[in-house]
Amino acid sequence: MKLSPKLLYYSFVGMFLILFGQVFLYLDLLPLAHAVFSLLRFLCFGIALLYVLRERLNLFSFKLGFYFLYLIFLTVVLGGTWIPIFSQAIDTFTILSIFYAGLIYDKKMVLQAMSVSLYFYVLLSLLTELLYPEGMWVVEGSMRFIVGGNYNQIGICVVLALMVNMAYSDLYAHWKPLVYGLMICSIVAEFLVGSMTSMVGVTVLSLYYIFRTGTRIDRTIIFISALLFIVLQYFFVFSLNLASVNPLTRYFVEEVLGKSSNFTYRSDIWARALTMFDHKMWLGYGFMDADAFKSLINGKSPHNFVLSLLLEGGFLGLFLFGNVFYTVYKKAKRTPGRLRNLLEFGLVVILIMMLMEVYPVQAIFTVFGLLYYIHLIEEEPDPELPATEPDALDGPDFELEVDPLEHPQINIE
């Protein structure tokens, strides 16, 4: 049975709402809703599995699967709780498979469906924050919201929504006014919950989208931002001293980000995490939930993505994750242009935000998927948009002019 285009579009919107809802919604206190989303998630997984069985696994899927299998195997061997990481693997596999299948069928339809679903969750977040300024629930003395749960976790949903909607507007210009509306909603949402880390990330990404030039300047900005992430990761997290020694850094942390110079006790957690990492630096401890982290480092998470990778998978896990990243980067590098620059800058923004937080890996790997399949996304640019300037490294284009009278043997049909 062949579905009509409109019904197929709404089917993709529904699947993305279910899958991203499973990732971003805080359903711990809503058991019925949690059960419904879990059931529908497995239905989406079945659809994705039926599609994948007809296709060959690409290198990205293979390496990503190997990374998850390593973590699951290590967790089982060490006697940890493996079901959450298995659930994350299913979510990631389903999102990426359905996204890829949609790109093959109709890229405009699937990109719009993903954009609409993520847009919805930003609006839902803003609405609930306006209705429940003190949080919908209070758990262990902390506010909880329906989107993200903890106020710091709302940021990844907002940034991912911005990236996908910005990417869609790069290809189809009629979506640009909605992107500007999403920017305003995102900034207001982050302002209401008071997450300065997410506020800075959303603002920087929005400014980049507005003022980017489409030239090599954009690549320079991305390079400097990536270098900044590496420097901050080393000095803020691994050295644990820059914020308390450097006056300019202390001003940025305390006045701009609104945090104490020890990053609201994050530096204490980082110090304990580094100490525990020394005991199992090669293989790590396997996947850990909030309770496992609390018993190990006295915190519900390491509050740093790289430390989380090292604690759970050790150097081997970090290598496998880096191998996935390299595969994505190598593939995306073949498709230079404004869209690739936008997605890479958005990824760097998320990495900088994850200096202070640990976000769901499903969201990170969704960005990886956008970059890996960018050659499918950019096949047919919107004629309303200005042509992208060629990369200077590609060299000039040449045309070979041949006189057919001098070379009659050449077929010029």
Foldseek 3Di string as FASTA:
>chain_A
DDDDLVVVLVVLLVLLLLLVLLAWFDCPVPVVVNVVSVVVLVVLLVVLVVVVVVDDDDPLRVLLVVLLVLLLVLCVVLVHDNVVSVVLNSSLSSVLSVQVVCLVVPNLSNLVSNLVSLLVLLVQLLVQCVVCLQAPDADPNAHQHRTRTHLLQNLLSLLLSLLSLLLSCQQPVVSVVVSVVSLVSQLSSNVSNLQLLSNVLSVVLVVCSVDPDLACVLVVVLVVLLVVLVVCLCCVQVVVPCCVPPPVNVCCVCPRRVAHSSRVVLNQLSVQLVVLLVVPQAAASRDDAQVRSCVRRVGRASQAAVSRQRRHGHPVSVVSVVVSVVLLCVQLVVPDTDSLSSLSSSLSSVNSSSRGHHGRVSSVVVSSSCSNCVCSNVPDGDPVDDDRDDHVVVPDDDDDDDDCVVPVVDDPD
